[in-house]
């Protein structure tokens, strides 16, 4: 393989980026509920808002890409 060094660099970069992201995702409920003492239902609300806003932003991004590609509005 000619580009083995580059492939390894990209692979390790992605691995450590995912490791950091997953650590933050796992630690958030522990910090929020255990250390800050927030009720469990509030954690559920925070996660619901998080996923809801993420889905809405994804929808707007898809709508924007559709418009920029030139298909226009349906």
Foldseek 3Di string as FASTA:
>chain_A
DVCPVVVVVVVVVVVVVVVVVVVCVVCVVCCVCVVVPDDPVVVVVVVVVVVVVVVVVVVVVVVVVCVVVPPHDD
